[in-house]
Structures are given as C-alpha cells and as structure tokens.
C-alpha cells in the first residue's frame, strides 16, 4: 500500500483527525536497521528517537508536538503511524538513561545508546565536513504509536 492510501485509511478510521499534514520517514541508516526499527515502533518498544540538530537542512522543518508520522520499512512501505508527544534539544552528553530506554534499541542502556549514536553521528558529521563532539545539540523526540 502506498503512503497516501495508508494515511487516508488512517484518517477514515480516525474521523477526529482533521489535519492533512504528516511526515513520512524510515529510521536507520541501512535496510536492516530500517526494518528492525520500524518493527520496534510497531510493537511499541521504540517510542523515542534522537537526531543531530546541526545536521538538519536550513529549510528542513523539525518534528513538532502533535505531528503525525508515517513510519516506513526498508522498502518504503508504511508500517504504522505515530504522533509526536515531546520534543527537546539536549546536548549529546546530557541525553538521559530514560530517553535511551525509550529508544528501544539493543539492551536499552545509556552506555549502548551513547556508543551507537556516537558512531552514527560521527559518520554523519564527517559526511557533512564537520566534527562530532559530546556537546552537539541532539533533537530528542518522544512519540506514541497511534495506528
């Protein structure tokens, strides 16, 4: 099913939702991680995510509280819909154990979260010709699966 059909079906089954706006994306840097992370969202284990604020494009909009998101798998197929509940900007070295746990990945510890995100952000910053450091601003988002 394509994204627009998936979204319209969601709106039909939730008539109280009047917005036409939604963001659409897959998590992860590889097909394997996109499928795994979409599955974790679908089963309710992954309810948070973190991105590097510095790596957003100048004209790229940030997630906002109340926004609906169509989560895709590695084949750009819609898996579920979430709604953003909380957003905050936190330095990398101040991201909490609670947030790491809600990201739902690996063993859900802050130690593992830092190791994995440090590697991911270091590579992403390098691609942009920038240098990662422990104080980069992280855009932390908490969401709820709504369909």
C-alpha atoms as a PDB file:
ATOM      1  CA  UNK A   1       0.000   0.000   0.000  1.00  0.00           C
ATOM      2  CA  UNK A   2       1.355   3.431  -0.846  1.00  0.00           C
ATOM      3  CA  UNK A   3       1.831   6.103   1.823  1.00  0.00           C
ATOM      4  CA  UNK A   4      -1.063   8.329   0.760  1.00  0.00           C
ATOM      5  CA  UNK A   5      -3.530   5.414   0.739  1.00  0.00           C
ATOM      6  CA  UNK A   6      -2.234   4.325   4.163  1.00  0.00           C
ATOM      7  CA  UNK A   7      -2.649   7.880   5.504  1.00  0.00           C
ATOM      8  CA  UNK A   8      -6.154   8.254   4.059  1.00  0.00           C
ATOM      9  CA  UNK A   9      -7.180   4.920   5.581  1.00  0.00           C
ATOM     10  CA  UNK A  10      -5.897   6.143   8.958  1.00  0.00           C
ATOM     11  CA  UNK A  11      -7.900   9.360   8.636  1.00  0.00           C
ATOM     12  CA  UNK A  12     -11.031   7.447   7.629  1.00  0.00           C
ATOM     13  CA  UNK A  13     -10.766   5.225  10.708  1.00  0.00           C
ATOM     14  CA  UNK A  14      -9.971   8.234  12.940  1.00  0.00           C
ATOM     15  CA  UNK A  15     -12.503  10.888  11.855  1.00  0.00           C
ATOM     16  CA  UNK A  16     -11.449  13.188  14.714  1.00  0.00           C
ATOM     17  CA  UNK A  17      -8.112  13.746  12.918  1.00  0.00           C
ATOM     18  CA  UNK A  18      -8.606  16.687  10.609  1.00  0.00           C
ATOM     19  CA  UNK A  19      -5.024  17.587   9.707  1.00  0.00           C
ATOM     20  CA  UNK A  20      -3.691  16.775   6.282  1.00  0.00           C
ATOM     21  CA  UNK A  21      -0.083  17.210   7.437  1.00  0.00           C
ATOM     22  CA  UNK A  22       2.119  14.235   8.202  1.00  0.00           C
ATOM     23  CA  UNK A  23       5.797  13.453   7.950  1.00  0.00           C
ATOM     24  CA  UNK A  24       6.964  10.232   6.327  1.00  0.00           C
ATOM     25  CA  UNK A  25      10.287   8.519   7.009  1.00  0.00           C
ATOM     26  CA  UNK A  26      12.225   5.368   7.804  1.00  0.00           C
ATOM     27  CA  UNK A  27      14.569   5.087  10.769  1.00  0.00           C
ATOM     28  CA  UNK A  28      18.166   3.908  10.481  1.00  0.00           C
ATOM     29  CA  UNK A  29      20.987   4.083   8.002  1.00  0.00           C
ATOM     30  CA  UNK A  30      20.609   0.618   6.429  1.00  0.00           C
ATOM     31  CA  UNK A  31      17.762  -1.531   5.128  1.00  0.00           C
ATOM     32  CA  UNK A  32      18.299  -3.940   8.010  1.00  0.00           C
ATOM     33  CA  UNK A  33      18.063  -1.202  10.623  1.00  0.00           C
ATOM     34  CA  UNK A  34      15.057   0.430   8.909  1.00  0.00           C
ATOM     35  CA  UNK A  35      13.115  -2.846   9.075  1.00  0.00           C
ATOM     36  CA  UNK A  36      14.147  -3.579  12.658  1.00  0.00           C
ATOM     37  CA  UNK A  37      13.373  -0.073  13.923  1.00  0.00           C
ATOM     38  CA  UNK A  38      10.005   0.058  12.116  1.00  0.00           C
ATOM     39  CA  UNK A  39       9.156  -3.266  13.766  1.00  0.00           C
ATOM     40  CA  UNK A  40      10.172  -1.949  17.200  1.00  0.00           C
ATOM     41  CA  UNK A  41       7.890   1.064  16.699  1.00  0.00           C
ATOM     42  CA  UNK A  42       5.042  -1.150  15.526  1.00  0.00           C
ATOM     43  CA  UNK A  43       5.229  -3.387  18.615  1.00  0.00           C
ATOM     44  CA  UNK A  44       5.508  -0.367  20.928  1.00  0.00           C
ATOM     45  CA  UNK A  45       9.076  -0.946  22.110  1.00  0.00           C
ATOM     46  CA  UNK A  46      10.565   2.080  20.342  1.00  0.00           C
ATOM     47  CA  UNK A  47       8.833   5.279  21.455  1.00  0.00           C
ATOM     48  CA  UNK A  48      11.650   7.807  21.056  1.00  0.00           C
ATOM     49  CA  UNK A  49      14.337   8.885  18.638  1.00  0.00           C
ATOM     50  CA  UNK A  50      17.274  11.277  18.510  1.00  0.00           C
ATOM     51  CA  UNK A  51      18.762  13.261  15.672  1.00  0.00           C
ATOM     52  CA  UNK A  52      21.621  15.730  15.461  1.00  0.00           C
ATOM     53  CA  UNK A  53      20.098  19.198  15.315  1.00  0.00           C
ATOM     54  CA  UNK A  54      23.125  20.557  13.406  1.00  0.00           C
ATOM     55  CA  UNK A  55      22.512  18.139  10.545  1.00  0.00           C
ATOM     56  CA  UNK A  56      19.039  19.400   9.643  1.00  0.00           C
ATOM     57  CA  UNK A  57      18.964  21.405   6.423  1.00  0.00           C
ATOM     58  CA  UNK A  58      18.327  25.144   6.821  1.00  0.00           C
ATOM     59  CA  UNK A  59      14.858  24.863   5.248  1.00  0.00           C
ATOM     60  CA  UNK A  60      14.028  21.467   6.792  1.00  0.00           C
ATOM     61  CA  UNK A  61      11.255  21.579   9.365  1.00  0.00           C
ATOM     62  CA  UNK A  62      11.760  19.993  12.763  1.00  0.00           C
ATOM     63  CA  UNK A  63       9.309  17.494  14.216  1.00  0.00           C
ATOM     64  CA  UNK A  64       6.726  19.185  16.422  1.00  0.00           C
ATOM     65  CA  UNK A  65       4.382  18.128  19.207  1.00  0.00           C
ATOM     66  CA  UNK A  66       1.157  16.805  17.711  1.00  0.00           C
ATOM     67  CA  UNK A  67       2.683  15.926  14.338  1.00  0.00           C
ATOM     68  CA  UNK A  68       1.719  12.599  12.779  1.00  0.00           C
ATOM     69  CA  UNK A  69       4.407  10.419  11.201  1.00  0.00           C
ATOM     70  CA  UNK A  70       4.065   7.547   8.754  1.00  0.00           C
ATOM     71  CA  UNK A  71       6.868   5.111   9.583  1.00  0.00           C
ATOM     72  CA  UNK A  72       8.309   3.216   6.628  1.00  0.00           C
ATOM     73  CA  UNK A  73      10.232  -0.031   6.314  1.00  0.00           C
ATOM     74  CA  UNK A  74      13.310  -0.518   4.145  1.00  0.00           C
ATOM     75  CA  UNK A  75      11.127  -0.815   1.025  1.00  0.00           C
ATOM     76  CA  UNK A  76       9.343   2.492   1.658  1.00  0.00           C
ATOM     77  CA  UNK A  77       6.207   0.642   2.688  1.00  0.00           C
ATOM     78  CA  UNK A  78       4.167   2.163   5.536  1.00  0.00           C
ATOM     79  CA  UNK A  79       4.246   0.125   8.741  1.00  0.00           C
ATOM     80  CA  UNK A  80       2.436   2.303  11.288  1.00  0.00           C
ATOM     81  CA  UNK A  81       1.619   5.863  12.306  1.00  0.00           C
ATOM     82  CA  UNK A  82       2.990   7.707  15.315  1.00  0.00           C
ATOM     83  CA  UNK A  83       2.234  11.053  16.886  1.00  0.00           C
ATOM     84  CA  UNK A  84       4.960  13.238  18.383  1.00  0.00           C
ATOM     85  CA  UNK A  85       4.333  13.886  22.084  1.00  0.00           C
ATOM     86  CA  UNK A  86       7.524  15.622  23.308  1.00  0.00           C
ATOM     87  CA  UNK A  87      10.463  17.365  21.661  1.00  0.00           C
ATOM     88  CA  UNK A  88      13.513  18.882  23.315  1.00  0.00           C
ATOM     89  CA  UNK A  89      17.064  19.834  22.461  1.00  0.00           C
ATOM     90  CA  UNK A  90      19.679  18.305  24.756  1.00  0.00           C
ATOM     91  CA  UNK A  91      23.483  18.138  24.463  1.00  0.00           C
ATOM     92  CA  UNK A  92      24.664  14.651  23.479  1.00  0.00           C
ATOM     93  CA  UNK A  93      26.344  14.097  26.840  1.00  0.00           C
ATOM     94  CA  UNK A  94      23.131  15.049  28.684  1.00  0.00           C
ATOM     95  CA  UNK A  95      20.757  12.594  26.992  1.00  0.00           C
ATOM     96  CA  UNK A  96      19.214  10.552  29.802  1.00  0.00           C
ATOM     97  CA  UNK A  97      19.002   6.850  30.551  1.00  0.00           C
ATOM     98  CA  UNK A  98      15.224   7.204  30.323  1.00  0.00           C
ATOM     99  CA  UNK A  99      15.422   8.535  26.776  1.00  0.00           C
ATOM    100  CA  UNK A 100      17.881   5.790  25.787  1.00  0.00           C
ATOM    101  CA  UNK A 101      15.489   3.188  27.212  1.00  0.00           C
ATOM    102  CA  UNK A 102      12.548   4.605  25.249  1.00  0.00           C
ATOM    103  CA  UNK A 103      14.539   4.469  22.033  1.00  0.00           C
ATOM    104  CA  UNK A 104      14.001   0.719  22.435  1.00  0.00           C
ATOM    105  CA  UNK A 105      17.173  -0.460  20.729  1.00  0.00           C
ATOM    106  CA  UNK A 106      19.811  -3.022  21.711  1.00  0.00           C
ATOM    107  CA  UNK A 107      19.904  -3.508  25.505  1.00  0.00           C
ATOM    108  CA  UNK A 108      18.237  -0.099  26.040  1.00  0.00           C
ATOM    109  CA  UNK A 109      21.059   1.228  28.250  1.00  0.00           C
ATOM    110  CA  UNK A 110      22.586   4.690  28.069  1.00  0.00           C
ATOM    111  CA  UNK A 111      26.056   3.174  27.594  1.00  0.00           C
ATOM    112  CA  UNK A 112      24.958   1.346  24.461  1.00  0.00           C
ATOM    113  CA  UNK A 113      22.910   4.326  23.265  1.00  0.00           C
ATOM    114  CA  UNK A 114      25.972   6.580  23.524  1.00  0.00           C
ATOM    115  CA  UNK A 115      28.256   4.087  21.769  1.00  0.00           C
ATOM    116  CA  UNK A 116      25.852   3.539  18.856  1.00  0.00           C
ATOM    117  CA  UNK A 117      24.818   7.178  18.472  1.00  0.00           C
ATOM    118  CA  UNK A 118      28.411   8.402  18.802  1.00  0.00           C
ATOM    119  CA  UNK A 119      29.396   6.151  15.878  1.00  0.00           C
ATOM    120  CA  UNK A 120      26.350   7.153  13.810  1.00  0.00           C
ATOM    121  CA  UNK A 121      26.728  10.894  14.464  1.00  0.00           C
ATOM    122  CA  UNK A 122      30.498  10.834  13.931  1.00  0.00           C
ATOM    123  CA  UNK A 123      29.980   9.365  10.453  1.00  0.00           C
ATOM    124  CA  UNK A 124      27.119  11.753   9.651  1.00  0.00           C
ATOM    125  CA  UNK A 125      29.101  14.797  10.780  1.00  0.00           C
ATOM    126  CA  UNK A 126      32.107  13.596   8.766  1.00  0.00           C
ATOM    127  CA  UNK A 127      29.923  13.348   5.628  1.00  0.00           C
ATOM    128  CA  UNK A 128      28.930  16.988   6.180  1.00  0.00           C
ATOM    129  CA  UNK A 129      32.562  18.061   6.640  1.00  0.00           C
ATOM    130  CA  UNK A 130      32.019  18.688  10.326  1.00  0.00           C
ATOM    131  CA  UNK A 131      33.367  17.192  13.548  1.00  0.00           C
ATOM    132  CA  UNK A 132      31.259  15.432  16.169  1.00  0.00           C
ATOM    133  CA  UNK A 133      31.754  16.305  19.837  1.00  0.00           C
ATOM    134  CA  UNK A 134      29.988  15.295  23.050  1.00  0.00           C
ATOM    135  CA  UNK A 135      28.149  18.616  23.304  1.00  0.00           C
ATOM    136  CA  UNK A 136      26.404  18.596  19.931  1.00  0.00           C
ATOM    137  CA  UNK A 137      22.744  19.561  20.241  1.00  0.00           C
ATOM    138  CA  UNK A 138      20.542  16.480  19.961  1.00  0.00           C
ATOM    139  CA  UNK A 139      16.922  16.794  18.952  1.00  0.00           C
ATOM    140  CA  UNK A 140      15.129  14.284  21.163  1.00  0.00           C
ATOM    141  CA  UNK A 141      11.617  13.236  20.260  1.00  0.00           C
ATOM    142  CA  UNK A 142       9.140  11.053  22.125  1.00  0.00           C
ATOM    143  CA  UNK A 143       6.220   9.617  20.170  1.00  0.00           C
ATOM    144  CA  UNK A 144       3.305   7.252  20.539  1.00  0.00           C
ATOM    145  CA  UNK A 145       2.109   4.709  18.016  1.00  0.00           C
ATOM    146  CA  UNK A 146      -1.462   5.623  17.142  1.00  0.00           C
ATOM    147  CA  UNK A 147      -2.145   3.128  14.336  1.00  0.00           C
END
